[in-house]
Amino acid sequence: MNSWPRLYAILDTSCFQDIEVLFSTAEQLLAGGVALLQYRDKTSSARELLQQARELKRRLGGSVKLIMNDRADLCLAAGFDGVHVGQEDLSPQGARKVIGARLWLGVSTHNAEQVKEADKTSADYIAIGPVFPTASKVNPDPVVGLDGVRKARALTRKPLVAIGGINRANCRSVIEAGADSVAVISDLIREPRKSAEEILRILG
């Protein structure tokens, strides 16, 4: 994983009123250079989730790493490349049992203690956040700021993904604080291809 993608696009179904728009957004992000994409859906049934995940896989093929949020079982069923679990989801150990050794496993953390714990697991990468105030979660964890990114960087050698309120205006500062990658949600929704290209250009 030497060439860890600088931009980690997150497609959250709550940001889209129409699933077709989500699919076309995914295709535009791919055209804009996105190489790592997470599919997040907290409300649909398992059946709907799987249908939509398979459609994403069909449209994007193998040209982007696809990560399923929360559901290790559906990650396998949809042929995704990995799963991302939060602090309240299936444990990293439990997720690894389901997905096996080959697929990617990401873990969300919100403070130094959680980073230390995640570092001991078989996680392929660790996410830290929210770095800035975010509108994408109903009950967000306390903001960790750039200092939180620096602290997390000092605690792990695993790839570090920063998330939460990251956009074109602040993404460079997050990488400079030690993150390998920035996860972006809302700043990619309008003009997805152009937005992805701009962020990647800013990140160099």
N, C-alpha and C. Protein backbone atom coordinates (compact mmCIF):
# COMPACT_ATOMS: atom_id res chain seq x y z
N MET A 1 0.83 -1.20 0.00
CA MET A 1 0.00 0.00 0.00
C MET A 1 0.87 1.26 0.00
N ASN A 2 1.92 1.24 -0.80
CA ASN A 2 2.82 2.39 -0.84
C ASN A 2 2.15 3.61 -1.46
N SER A 3 1.33 3.35 -2.47
CA SER A 3 0.67 4.48 -3.14
C SER A 3 -0.72 4.68 -2.55
N TRP A 4 -0.76 5.03 -1.29
CA TRP A 4 -2.05 5.23 -0.61
C TRP A 4 -2.77 6.42 -1.23
N PRO A 5 -4.04 6.25 -1.66
CA PRO A 5 -4.73 7.37 -2.33
C PRO A 5 -4.89 8.59 -1.42
N ARG A 6 -4.58 9.76 -1.95
CA ARG A 6 -4.69 11.01 -1.17
C ARG A 6 -6.14 11.36 -0.87
N LEU A 7 -7.03 11.02 -1.80
CA LEU A 7 -8.45 11.36 -1.64
C LEU A 7 -9.27 10.09 -1.44
N TYR A 8 -10.05 10.08 -0.36
CA TYR A 8 -10.93 8.96 -0.04
C TYR A 8 -12.36 9.51 -0.13
N ALA A 9 -13.02 9.20 -1.22
CA ALA A 9 -14.38 9.73 -1.43
C ALA A 9 -15.39 8.87 -0.67
N ILE A 10 -16.32 9.53 0.01
CA ILE A 10 -17.38 8.79 0.71
C ILE A 10 -18.73 9.15 0.12
N LEU A 11 -19.41 8.15 -0.38
CA LEU A 11 -20.75 8.33 -0.93
C LEU A 11 -21.75 7.93 0.14
N ASP A 12 -22.39 8.92 0.73
CA ASP A 12 -23.37 8.68 1.79
C ASP A 12 -24.76 8.84 1.17
N THR A 13 -25.56 7.78 1.22
CA THR A 13 -26.87 7.83 0.56
C THR A 13 -27.77 8.93 1.14
N SER A 14 -27.51 9.36 2.38
CA SER A 14 -28.35 10.41 2.97
C SER A 14 -28.16 11.75 2.25
N CYS A 15 -27.10 11.87 1.47
CA CYS A 15 -26.85 13.11 0.72
C CYS A 15 -27.56 13.13 -0.63
N PHE A 16 -28.20 12.02 -0.98
CA PHE A 16 -28.83 11.91 -2.30
C PHE A 16 -30.30 11.53 -2.17
N GLN A 17 -31.15 12.26 -2.88
CA GLN A 17 -32.58 11.91 -2.85
C GLN A 17 -32.88 10.78 -3.83
N ASP A 18 -32.02 10.63 -4.81
CA ASP A 18 -32.25 9.66 -5.88
C ASP A 18 -31.02 8.78 -6.01
N ILE A 19 -31.22 7.47 -5.96
CA ILE A 19 -30.09 6.55 -6.01
C ILE A 19 -29.36 6.64 -7.36
N GLU A 20 -30.10 6.98 -8.41
CA GLU A 20 -29.47 7.14 -9.73
C GLU A 20 -28.42 8.25 -9.70
N VAL A 21 -28.73 9.31 -8.95
CA VAL A 21 -27.77 10.43 -8.84
C VAL A 21 -26.52 9.96 -8.12
N LEU A 22 -26.70 9.10 -7.11
CA LEU A 22 -25.55 8.54 -6.40
C LEU A 22 -24.67 7.74 -7.36
N PHE A 23 -25.30 6.92 -8.20
CA PHE A 23 -24.53 6.12 -9.16
C PHE A 23 -23.76 7.00 -10.15
N SER A 24 -24.44 8.02 -10.67
CA SER A 24 -23.77 8.88 -11.66
C SER A 24 -22.67 9.71 -10.99
N THR A 25 -22.88 10.08 -9.72
CA THR A 25 -21.85 10.80 -8.96
C THR A 25 -20.62 9.91 -8.82
N ALA A 26 -20.84 8.63 -8.52
CA ALA A 26 -19.72 7.68 -8.39
C ALA A 26 -18.94 7.60 -9.69
N GLU A 27 -19.66 7.54 -10.81
CA GLU A 27 -18.98 7.46 -12.12
C GLU A 27 -18.18 8.72 -12.42
N GLN A 28 -18.74 9.88 -12.05
CA GLN A 28 -18.02 11.14 -12.26
C GLN A 28 -16.78 11.24 -11.36
N LEU A 29 -16.88 10.74 -10.13
CA LEU A 29 -15.73 10.76 -9.22
C LEU A 29 -14.61 9.90 -9.78
N LEU A 30 -14.99 8.76 -10.34
CA LEU A 30 -14.01 7.88 -10.96
C LEU A 30 -13.31 8.60 -12.12
N ALA A 31 -14.10 9.29 -12.93
CA ALA A 31 -13.55 10.06 -14.05
C ALA A 31 -12.64 11.19 -13.57
N GLY A 32 -12.91 11.68 -12.34
CA GLY A 32 -12.10 12.76 -11.77
C GLY A 32 -10.83 12.29 -11.09
N GLY A 33 -10.60 10.98 -11.09
CA GLY A 33 -9.35 10.46 -10.55
C GLY A 33 -9.45 9.78 -9.19
N VAL A 34 -10.67 9.63 -8.66
CA VAL A 34 -10.83 8.97 -7.35
C VAL A 34 -10.47 7.49 -7.47
N ALA A 35 -9.63 7.01 -6.56
CA ALA A 35 -9.18 5.61 -6.60
C ALA A 35 -9.66 4.81 -5.40
N LEU A 36 -10.29 5.50 -4.44
CA LEU A 36 -10.76 4.86 -3.21
C LEU A 36 -12.10 5.46 -2.83
N LEU A 37 -13.11 4.60 -2.71
CA LEU A 37 -14.47 5.10 -2.51
C LEU A 37 -15.22 4.23 -1.50
N GLN A 38 -15.84 4.89 -0.53
CA GLN A 38 -16.64 4.16 0.46
C GLN A 38 -18.13 4.40 0.20
N TYR A 39 -18.88 3.30 0.29
CA TYR A 39 -20.33 3.37 0.15
C TYR A 39 -20.93 3.27 1.55
N ARG A 40 -21.66 4.35 1.93
CA ARG A 40 -22.22 4.40 3.28
C ARG A 40 -23.74 4.57 3.20
N ASP A 41 -24.45 3.65 3.82
CA ASP A 41 -25.91 3.71 3.83
C ASP A 41 -26.38 3.18 5.18
N LYS A 42 -26.90 4.10 6.01
CA LYS A 42 -27.28 3.72 7.38
C LYS A 42 -28.76 3.37 7.51
N THR A 43 -29.52 3.50 6.42
CA THR A 43 -30.98 3.37 6.57
C THR A 43 -31.62 2.25 5.76
N SER A 44 -31.04 1.87 4.64
CA SER A 44 -31.67 0.86 3.77
C SER A 44 -31.64 -0.53 4.38
N SER A 45 -32.52 -1.39 3.88
CA SER A 45 -32.51 -2.79 4.32
C SER A 45 -31.28 -3.47 3.72
N ALA A 46 -30.93 -4.63 4.27
CA ALA A 46 -29.76 -5.37 3.78
C ALA A 46 -29.93 -5.70 2.30
N ARG A 47 -31.16 -6.01 1.91
CA ARG A 47 -31.42 -6.38 0.51
C ARG A 47 -31.16 -5.19 -0.42
N GLU A 48 -31.68 -4.02 -0.02
CA GLU A 48 -31.46 -2.80 -0.83
C GLU A 48 -29.97 -2.44 -0.88
N LEU A 49 -29.34 -2.54 0.28
CA LEU A 49 -27.91 -2.25 0.37
C LEU A 49 -27.11 -3.10 -0.61
N LEU A 50 -27.42 -4.38 -0.62
CA LEU A 50 -26.68 -5.31 -1.48
C LEU A 50 -26.95 -5.01 -2.95
N GLN A 51 -28.21 -4.75 -3.28
CA GLN A 51 -28.55 -4.41 -4.67
C GLN A 51 -27.77 -3.19 -5.15
N GLN A 52 -27.78 -2.15 -4.31
CA GLN A 52 -27.11 -0.90 -4.67
C GLN A 52 -25.60 -1.08 -4.73
N ALA A 53 -25.06 -1.84 -3.80
CA ALA A 53 -23.62 -2.09 -3.78
C ALA A 53 -23.19 -2.85 -5.02
N ARG A 54 -23.98 -3.83 -5.41
CA ARG A 54 -23.64 -4.61 -6.62
C ARG A 54 -23.71 -3.74 -7.87
N GLU A 55 -24.67 -2.83 -7.89
CA GLU A 55 -24.79 -1.92 -9.03
C GLU A 55 -23.59 -0.98 -9.10
N LEU A 56 -23.14 -0.50 -7.94
CA LEU A 56 -21.94 0.34 -7.89
C LEU A 56 -20.74 -0.43 -8.44
N LYS A 57 -20.61 -1.66 -8.00
CA LYS A 57 -19.50 -2.52 -8.45
C LYS A 57 -19.57 -2.74 -9.96
N ARG A 58 -20.78 -2.97 -10.44
CA ARG A 58 -20.96 -3.21 -11.88
C ARG A 58 -20.54 -1.99 -12.70
N ARG A 59 -20.92 -0.81 -12.22
CA ARG A 59 -20.62 0.42 -12.97
C ARG A 59 -19.16 0.84 -12.88
N LEU A 60 -18.55 0.60 -11.72
CA LEU A 60 -17.19 1.09 -11.52
C LEU A 60 -16.13 0.04 -11.81
N GLY A 61 -16.54 -1.22 -11.78
CA GLY A 61 -15.61 -2.30 -12.08
C GLY A 61 -14.46 -2.36 -11.10
N GLY A 62 -13.29 -2.72 -11.61
CA GLY A 62 -12.13 -2.87 -10.73
C GLY A 62 -11.21 -1.68 -10.75
N SER A 63 -11.70 -0.56 -11.30
CA SER A 63 -10.82 0.60 -11.45
C SER A 63 -10.78 1.49 -10.21
N VAL A 64 -11.53 1.12 -9.17
CA VAL A 64 -11.51 1.89 -7.92
C VAL A 64 -11.65 0.91 -6.77
N LYS A 65 -10.99 1.19 -5.65
CA LYS A 65 -11.14 0.36 -4.46
C LYS A 65 -12.46 0.70 -3.81
N LEU A 66 -13.34 -0.28 -3.66
CA LEU A 66 -14.65 -0.04 -3.07
C LEU A 66 -14.70 -0.57 -1.64
N ILE A 67 -15.07 0.31 -0.73
CA ILE A 67 -15.15 -0.05 0.69
C ILE A 67 -16.60 0.05 1.16
N MET A 68 -17.06 -0.99 1.83
CA MET A 68 -18.42 -1.00 2.39
C MET A 68 -18.39 -0.50 3.83
N ASN A 69 -19.28 0.41 4.15
CA ASN A 69 -19.36 0.90 5.52
C ASN A 69 -20.13 -0.11 6.38
N ASP A 70 -19.58 -0.45 7.53
CA ASP A 70 -20.24 -1.28 8.55
C ASP A 70 -20.37 -2.78 8.25
N ARG A 71 -20.86 -3.11 7.07
CA ARG A 71 -21.33 -4.48 6.83
C ARG A 71 -20.29 -5.37 6.16
N ALA A 72 -19.59 -6.14 6.99
CA ALA A 72 -18.57 -7.07 6.46
C ALA A 72 -19.20 -8.14 5.59
N ASP A 73 -20.39 -8.61 5.98
CA ASP A 73 -21.06 -9.67 5.21
C ASP A 73 -21.43 -9.18 3.81
N LEU A 74 -21.94 -7.93 3.73
CA LEU A 74 -22.35 -7.39 2.43
C LEU A 74 -21.14 -6.99 1.58
N CYS A 75 -20.07 -6.65 2.25
CA CYS A 75 -18.81 -6.36 1.54
C CYS A 75 -18.43 -7.58 0.71
N LEU A 76 -18.49 -8.75 1.33
CA LEU A 76 -18.16 -10.00 0.62
C LEU A 76 -19.18 -10.30 -0.47
N ALA A 77 -20.45 -10.19 -0.13
CA ALA A 77 -21.51 -10.54 -1.08
C ALA A 77 -21.50 -9.65 -2.32
N ALA A 78 -21.09 -8.39 -2.15
CA ALA A 78 -21.10 -7.44 -3.27
C ALA A 78 -19.78 -7.45 -4.04
N GLY A 79 -18.80 -8.20 -3.53
CA GLY A 79 -17.51 -8.24 -4.20
C GLY A 79 -16.70 -6.97 -4.01
N PHE A 80 -16.88 -6.31 -2.85
CA PHE A 80 -16.13 -5.08 -2.56
C PHE A 80 -14.70 -5.43 -2.13
N ASP A 81 -13.88 -4.39 -2.01
CA ASP A 81 -12.46 -4.58 -1.70
C ASP A 81 -12.15 -4.48 -0.21
N GLY A 82 -13.14 -4.07 0.58
CA GLY A 82 -12.88 -3.94 2.02
C GLY A 82 -14.09 -3.42 2.76
N VAL A 83 -13.95 -3.35 4.09
CA VAL A 83 -15.03 -2.86 4.95
C VAL A 83 -14.44 -1.85 5.93
N HIS A 84 -15.29 -0.89 6.31
CA HIS A 84 -14.88 0.11 7.29
C HIS A 84 -15.83 0.02 8.47
N VAL A 85 -15.28 -0.14 9.67
CA VAL A 85 -16.12 -0.27 10.87
C VAL A 85 -15.89 0.89 11.83
N GLY A 86 -16.97 1.27 12.50
CA GLY A 86 -16.90 2.34 13.50
C GLY A 86 -16.74 1.75 14.89
N GLN A 87 -16.72 2.63 15.88
CA GLN A 87 -16.54 2.18 17.26
C GLN A 87 -17.73 1.38 17.78
N GLU A 88 -18.92 1.61 17.18
CA GLU A 88 -20.12 0.91 17.67
C GLU A 88 -20.49 -0.27 16.77
N ASP A 89 -19.69 -0.51 15.74
CA ASP A 89 -20.02 -1.59 14.80
C ASP A 89 -19.33 -2.89 15.22
N LEU A 90 -19.34 -3.84 14.32
CA LEU A 90 -18.61 -5.08 14.49
C LEU A 90 -17.15 -4.76 14.83
N SER A 91 -16.54 -5.50 15.75
CA SER A 91 -15.15 -5.21 16.14
C SER A 91 -14.23 -5.49 14.96
N PRO A 92 -13.03 -4.86 14.92
CA PRO A 92 -12.09 -5.15 13.85
C PRO A 92 -11.77 -6.64 13.75
N GLN A 93 -11.66 -7.31 14.91
CA GLN A 93 -11.38 -8.74 14.92
C GLN A 93 -12.53 -9.52 14.28
N GLY A 94 -13.76 -9.13 14.64
CA GLY A 94 -14.94 -9.78 14.08
C GLY A 94 -15.05 -9.57 12.58
N ALA A 95 -14.77 -8.32 12.16
CA ALA A 95 -14.83 -8.00 10.73
C ALA A 95 -13.78 -8.79 9.96
N ARG A 96 -12.58 -8.88 10.52
CA ARG A 96 -11.50 -9.61 9.85
C ARG A 96 -11.84 -11.08 9.67
N LYS A 97 -12.53 -11.65 10.67
CA LYS A 97 -12.95 -13.06 10.56
C LYS A 97 -13.87 -13.25 9.36
N VAL A 98 -14.73 -12.27 9.14
CA VAL A 98 -15.70 -12.38 8.04
C VAL A 98 -15.03 -12.17 6.68
N ILE A 99 -14.19 -11.14 6.59
CA ILE A 99 -13.66 -10.77 5.26
C ILE A 99 -12.37 -11.50 4.88
N GLY A 100 -11.72 -12.13 5.87
CA GLY A 100 -10.48 -12.84 5.57
C GLY A 100 -9.28 -11.90 5.54
N ALA A 101 -8.14 -12.45 5.21
CA ALA A 101 -6.88 -11.69 5.30
C ALA A 101 -6.66 -10.75 4.12
N ARG A 102 -7.28 -11.02 2.98
CA ARG A 102 -6.94 -10.32 1.75
C ARG A 102 -7.58 -8.93 1.64
N LEU A 103 -8.82 -8.82 2.12
CA LEU A 103 -9.55 -7.56 1.92
C LEU A 103 -9.13 -6.49 2.92
N TRP A 104 -9.36 -5.25 2.55
CA TRP A 104 -8.99 -4.12 3.41
C TRP A 104 -9.95 -3.96 4.58
N LEU A 105 -9.38 -3.55 5.71
CA LEU A 105 -10.19 -3.26 6.89
C LEU A 105 -9.79 -1.89 7.43
N GLY A 106 -10.78 -1.01 7.55
CA GLY A 106 -10.56 0.32 8.11
C GLY A 106 -11.33 0.47 9.42
N VAL A 107 -10.77 1.26 10.33
CA VAL A 107 -11.41 1.46 11.64
C VAL A 107 -11.49 2.95 11.95
N SER A 108 -12.68 3.40 12.38
CA SER A 108 -12.85 4.80 12.80
C SER A 108 -12.36 4.99 14.23
N THR A 109 -11.66 6.11 14.46
CA THR A 109 -11.25 6.47 15.82
C THR A 109 -11.52 7.95 16.04
N HIS A 110 -11.69 8.32 17.32
CA HIS A 110 -12.05 9.71 17.64
C HIS A 110 -11.17 10.31 18.74
N ASN A 111 -10.20 9.53 19.21
CA ASN A 111 -9.28 10.06 20.23
C ASN A 111 -8.03 9.18 20.27
N ALA A 112 -7.05 9.63 21.05
CA ALA A 112 -5.75 8.93 21.10
C ALA A 112 -5.88 7.49 21.58
N GLU A 113 -6.73 7.25 22.58
CA GLU A 113 -6.89 5.89 23.11
C GLU A 113 -7.40 4.94 22.04
N GLN A 114 -8.39 5.41 21.28
CA GLN A 114 -8.95 4.56 20.23
C GLN A 114 -7.94 4.30 19.11
N VAL A 115 -7.10 5.29 18.82
CA VAL A 115 -6.05 5.11 17.82
C VAL A 115 -5.09 4.01 18.28
N LYS A 116 -4.69 4.08 19.56
CA LYS A 116 -3.78 3.07 20.12
C LYS A 116 -4.39 1.67 20.00
N GLU A 117 -5.68 1.56 20.34
CA GLU A 117 -6.36 0.26 20.27
C GLU A 117 -6.43 -0.24 18.82
N ALA A 118 -6.80 0.66 17.90
CA ALA A 118 -6.93 0.28 16.49
C ALA A 118 -5.58 -0.14 15.92
N ASP A 119 -4.52 0.48 16.41
CA ASP A 119 -3.18 0.18 15.91
C ASP A 119 -2.77 -1.27 16.25
N LYS A 120 -3.35 -1.82 17.31
CA LYS A 120 -3.02 -3.19 17.72
C LYS A 120 -3.77 -4.24 16.89
N THR A 121 -4.79 -3.80 16.16
CA THR A 121 -5.61 -4.74 15.39
C THR A 121 -4.98 -4.98 14.01
N SER A 122 -5.65 -5.81 13.22
CA SER A 122 -5.18 -6.10 11.86
C SER A 122 -5.69 -5.07 10.86
N ALA A 123 -6.20 -3.94 11.34
CA ALA A 123 -6.71 -2.89 10.43
C ALA A 123 -5.64 -2.48 9.43
N ASP A 124 -6.06 -2.27 8.18
CA ASP A 124 -5.13 -1.81 7.13
C ASP A 124 -4.94 -0.31 7.18
N TYR A 125 -5.95 0.40 7.68
CA TYR A 125 -5.82 1.84 7.85
C TYR A 125 -6.68 2.29 9.02
N ILE A 126 -6.35 3.46 9.55
CA ILE A 126 -7.09 4.03 10.68
C ILE A 126 -7.63 5.39 10.28
N ALA A 127 -8.91 5.62 10.56
CA ALA A 127 -9.51 6.94 10.30
C ALA A 127 -9.58 7.72 11.60
N ILE A 128 -9.25 9.01 11.55
CA ILE A 128 -9.33 9.87 12.74
C ILE A 128 -10.23 11.07 12.42
N GLY A 129 -11.10 11.43 13.37
CA GLY A 129 -11.97 12.56 13.14
C GLY A 129 -13.08 12.64 14.18
N PRO A 130 -13.96 13.61 14.05
CA PRO A 130 -13.96 14.63 13.01
C PRO A 130 -12.87 15.69 13.23
N VAL A 131 -12.16 16.01 12.13
CA VAL A 131 -11.10 17.00 12.21
C VAL A 131 -11.70 18.39 12.37
N PHE A 132 -12.76 18.66 11.60
CA PHE A 132 -13.48 19.94 11.67
C PHE A 132 -14.95 19.66 11.94
N PRO A 133 -15.73 20.66 12.32
CA PRO A 133 -17.18 20.44 12.49
C PRO A 133 -17.78 19.87 11.21
N THR A 134 -18.67 18.90 11.36
CA THR A 134 -19.24 18.21 10.20
C THR A 134 -20.76 18.18 10.27
N ALA A 135 -21.37 18.21 9.10
CA ALA A 135 -22.84 18.15 9.03
C ALA A 135 -23.31 16.76 8.62
N SER A 136 -22.38 15.84 8.37
CA SER A 136 -22.78 14.54 7.81
C SER A 136 -23.21 13.53 8.87
N LYS A 137 -23.07 13.88 10.15
CA LYS A 137 -23.51 12.96 11.20
C LYS A 137 -24.47 13.68 12.14
N VAL A 138 -25.46 12.93 12.60
CA VAL A 138 -26.48 13.53 13.48
C VAL A 138 -25.88 13.86 14.85
N ASN A 139 -25.16 12.90 15.43
CA ASN A 139 -24.50 13.13 16.73
C ASN A 139 -22.99 12.95 16.59
N PRO A 140 -22.31 13.95 16.03
CA PRO A 140 -20.87 13.77 15.80
C PRO A 140 -20.06 13.72 17.09
N ASP A 141 -18.93 13.04 17.01
CA ASP A 141 -17.99 13.02 18.14
C ASP A 141 -17.34 14.39 18.24
N PRO A 142 -16.69 14.70 19.39
CA PRO A 142 -16.03 15.99 19.54
C PRO A 142 -14.95 16.19 18.48
N VAL A 143 -14.84 17.41 17.99
CA VAL A 143 -13.85 17.75 16.96
C VAL A 143 -12.44 17.56 17.51
N VAL A 144 -11.58 16.88 16.72
CA VAL A 144 -10.21 16.63 17.19
C VAL A 144 -9.22 17.69 16.69
N GLY A 145 -9.59 18.38 15.61
CA GLY A 145 -8.71 19.43 15.07
C GLY A 145 -7.44 18.87 14.45
N LEU A 146 -6.63 19.75 13.92
CA LEU A 146 -5.37 19.33 13.29
C LEU A 146 -4.42 18.73 14.32
N ASP A 147 -4.56 19.19 15.56
CA ASP A 147 -3.73 18.65 16.63
C ASP A 147 -4.04 17.17 16.86
N GLY A 148 -5.32 16.82 16.73
CA GLY A 148 -5.73 15.42 16.86
C GLY A 148 -5.12 14.54 15.78
N VAL A 149 -4.99 15.12 14.57
CA VAL A 149 -4.37 14.39 13.46
C VAL A 149 -2.88 14.17 13.77
N ARG A 150 -2.23 15.22 14.26
CA ARG A 150 -0.80 15.11 14.61
C ARG A 150 -0.57 14.03 15.69
N LYS A 151 -1.45 14.05 16.70
CA LYS A 151 -1.32 13.06 17.78
C LYS A 151 -1.52 11.64 17.24
N ALA A 152 -2.54 11.48 16.40
CA ALA A 152 -2.82 10.16 15.82
C ALA A 152 -1.63 9.69 14.98
N ARG A 153 -1.04 10.62 14.22
CA ARG A 153 0.11 10.27 13.38
C ARG A 153 1.26 9.73 14.22
N ALA A 154 1.45 10.31 15.40
CA ALA A 154 2.55 9.89 16.28
C ALA A 154 2.29 8.51 16.89
N LEU A 155 1.03 8.05 16.85
CA LEU A 155 0.67 6.81 17.54
C LEU A 155 0.58 5.59 16.63
N THR A 156 0.64 5.80 15.33
CA THR A 156 0.52 4.66 14.42
C THR A 156 1.36 4.85 13.17
N ARG A 157 1.80 3.73 12.62
CA ARG A 157 2.50 3.76 11.34
C ARG A 157 1.58 3.29 10.22
N LYS A 158 0.36 2.90 10.58
CA LYS A 158 -0.61 2.50 9.57
C LYS A 158 -1.05 3.74 8.79
N PRO A 159 -1.53 3.56 7.55
CA PRO A 159 -2.07 4.70 6.81
C PRO A 159 -3.17 5.38 7.63
N LEU A 160 -3.11 6.72 7.65
CA LEU A 160 -4.04 7.51 8.47
C LEU A 160 -4.96 8.32 7.56
N VAL A 161 -6.26 8.09 7.72
CA VAL A 161 -7.27 8.82 6.94
C VAL A 161 -7.96 9.82 7.86
N ALA A 162 -7.91 11.09 7.49
CA ALA A 162 -8.60 12.12 8.28
C ALA A 162 -9.99 12.34 7.71
N ILE A 163 -10.96 12.53 8.58
CA ILE A 163 -12.35 12.70 8.14
C ILE A 163 -13.06 13.74 8.99
N GLY A 164 -14.06 14.39 8.40
CA GLY A 164 -14.90 15.32 9.15
C GLY A 164 -14.70 16.76 8.74
N GLY A 165 -15.64 17.30 7.96
CA GLY A 165 -15.62 18.71 7.58
C GLY A 165 -14.47 19.09 6.66
N ILE A 166 -13.90 18.11 5.96
CA ILE A 166 -12.75 18.41 5.10
C ILE A 166 -13.22 18.81 3.71
N ASN A 167 -12.63 19.90 3.20
CA ASN A 167 -13.00 20.41 1.89
C ASN A 167 -11.78 20.99 1.18
N ARG A 168 -12.03 21.62 0.02
CA ARG A 168 -10.91 22.17 -0.75
C ARG A 168 -10.12 23.21 0.02
N ALA A 169 -10.81 23.95 0.87
CA ALA A 169 -10.15 25.06 1.58
C ALA A 169 -9.18 24.58 2.66
N ASN A 170 -9.46 23.41 3.25
CA ASN A 170 -8.63 23.00 4.40
C ASN A 170 -7.90 21.67 4.21
N CYS A 171 -8.10 21.00 3.07
CA CYS A 171 -7.55 19.64 2.92
C CYS A 171 -6.02 19.59 2.96
N ARG A 172 -5.39 20.63 2.42
CA ARG A 172 -3.92 20.64 2.40
C ARG A 172 -3.35 20.65 3.82
N SER A 173 -3.99 21.43 4.71
CA SER A 173 -3.50 21.53 6.09
C SER A 173 -3.60 20.19 6.81
N VAL A 174 -4.57 19.38 6.42
CA VAL A 174 -4.78 18.08 7.06
C VAL A 174 -3.65 17.11 6.66
N ILE A 175 -3.28 17.14 5.39
CA ILE A 175 -2.17 16.30 4.92
C ILE A 175 -0.88 16.76 5.59
N GLU A 176 -0.72 18.07 5.70
CA GLU A 176 0.49 18.61 6.34
C GLU A 176 0.57 18.24 7.83
N ALA A 177 -0.59 17.99 8.43
CA ALA A 177 -0.62 17.59 9.85
C ALA A 177 -0.27 16.11 10.04
N GLY A 178 -0.14 15.38 8.91
CA GLY A 178 0.30 13.99 9.02
C GLY A 178 -0.61 12.93 8.44
N ALA A 179 -1.80 13.33 7.95
CA ALA A 179 -2.70 12.33 7.36
C ALA A 179 -2.17 11.87 6.01
N ASP A 180 -2.38 10.60 5.70
CA ASP A 180 -2.01 10.07 4.38
C ASP A 180 -3.10 10.38 3.35
N SER A 181 -4.32 10.54 3.86
CA SER A 181 -5.47 10.67 2.97
C SER A 181 -6.55 11.50 3.65
N VAL A 182 -7.36 12.19 2.84
CA VAL A 182 -8.50 12.92 3.40
C VAL A 182 -9.80 12.31 2.87
N ALA A 183 -10.71 12.05 3.79
CA ALA A 183 -12.04 11.56 3.41
C ALA A 183 -12.95 12.76 3.22
N VAL A 184 -13.58 12.83 2.05
CA VAL A 184 -14.44 13.98 1.73
C VAL A 184 -15.82 13.48 1.34
N ILE A 185 -16.83 14.15 1.88
CA ILE A 185 -18.22 13.77 1.58
C ILE A 185 -18.92 14.90 0.82
N SER A 186 -19.30 15.97 1.55
CA SER A 186 -20.17 16.99 0.95
C SER A 186 -19.50 17.84 -0.13
N ASP A 187 -18.18 18.05 -0.03
CA ASP A 187 -17.52 18.91 -1.02
C ASP A 187 -17.36 18.23 -2.38
N LEU A 188 -17.78 16.96 -2.47
CA LEU A 188 -17.68 16.25 -3.75
C LEU A 188 -19.03 16.12 -4.46
N ILE A 189 -20.09 16.58 -3.80
CA ILE A 189 -21.43 16.32 -4.35
C ILE A 189 -21.76 17.21 -5.55
N ARG A 190 -21.43 18.50 -5.44
CA ARG A 190 -21.68 19.40 -6.58
C ARG A 190 -20.52 19.28 -7.55
N GLU A 191 -20.83 19.06 -8.80
CA GLU A 191 -19.79 18.89 -9.83
C GLU A 191 -18.72 17.89 -9.37
N PRO A 192 -19.11 16.64 -9.18
CA PRO A 192 -18.21 15.64 -8.59
C PRO A 192 -16.87 15.51 -9.30
N ARG A 193 -16.90 15.45 -10.64
CA ARG A 193 -15.64 15.24 -11.36
C ARG A 193 -14.68 16.42 -11.15
N LYS A 194 -15.23 17.63 -11.32
CA LYS A 194 -14.41 18.84 -11.17
C LYS A 194 -13.89 18.95 -9.73
N SER A 195 -14.76 18.68 -8.77
CA SER A 195 -14.39 18.77 -7.34
C SER A 195 -13.26 17.81 -7.01
N ALA A 196 -13.38 16.56 -7.49
CA ALA A 196 -12.35 15.54 -7.23
C ALA A 196 -11.02 15.97 -7.86
N GLU A 197 -11.08 16.46 -9.10
CA GLU A 197 -9.86 16.89 -9.78
C GLU A 197 -9.19 18.03 -9.02
N GLU A 198 -10.01 18.98 -8.54
CA GLU A 198 -9.46 20.13 -7.81
C GLU A 198 -8.79 19.71 -6.51
N ILE A 199 -9.46 18.83 -5.76
CA ILE A 199 -8.88 18.36 -4.48
C ILE A 199 -7.58 17.63 -4.73
N LEU A 200 -7.57 16.75 -5.74
CA LEU A 200 -6.35 16.00 -6.04
C LEU A 200 -5.22 16.93 -6.48
N ARG A 201 -5.58 17.99 -7.18
CA ARG A 201 -4.57 18.96 -7.61
C ARG A 201 -3.99 19.70 -6.39
N ILE A 202 -4.88 20.09 -5.47
CA ILE A 202 -4.46 20.80 -4.25
C ILE A 202 -3.53 19.90 -3.41
N LEU A 203 -3.87 18.63 -3.35
CA LEU A 203 -3.10 17.69 -2.52
C LEU A 203 -1.79 17.28 -3.19
N GLY A 204 -1.71 17.53 -4.49
CA GLY A 204 -0.47 17.21 -5.21
C GLY A 204 -0.23 15.73 -5.30
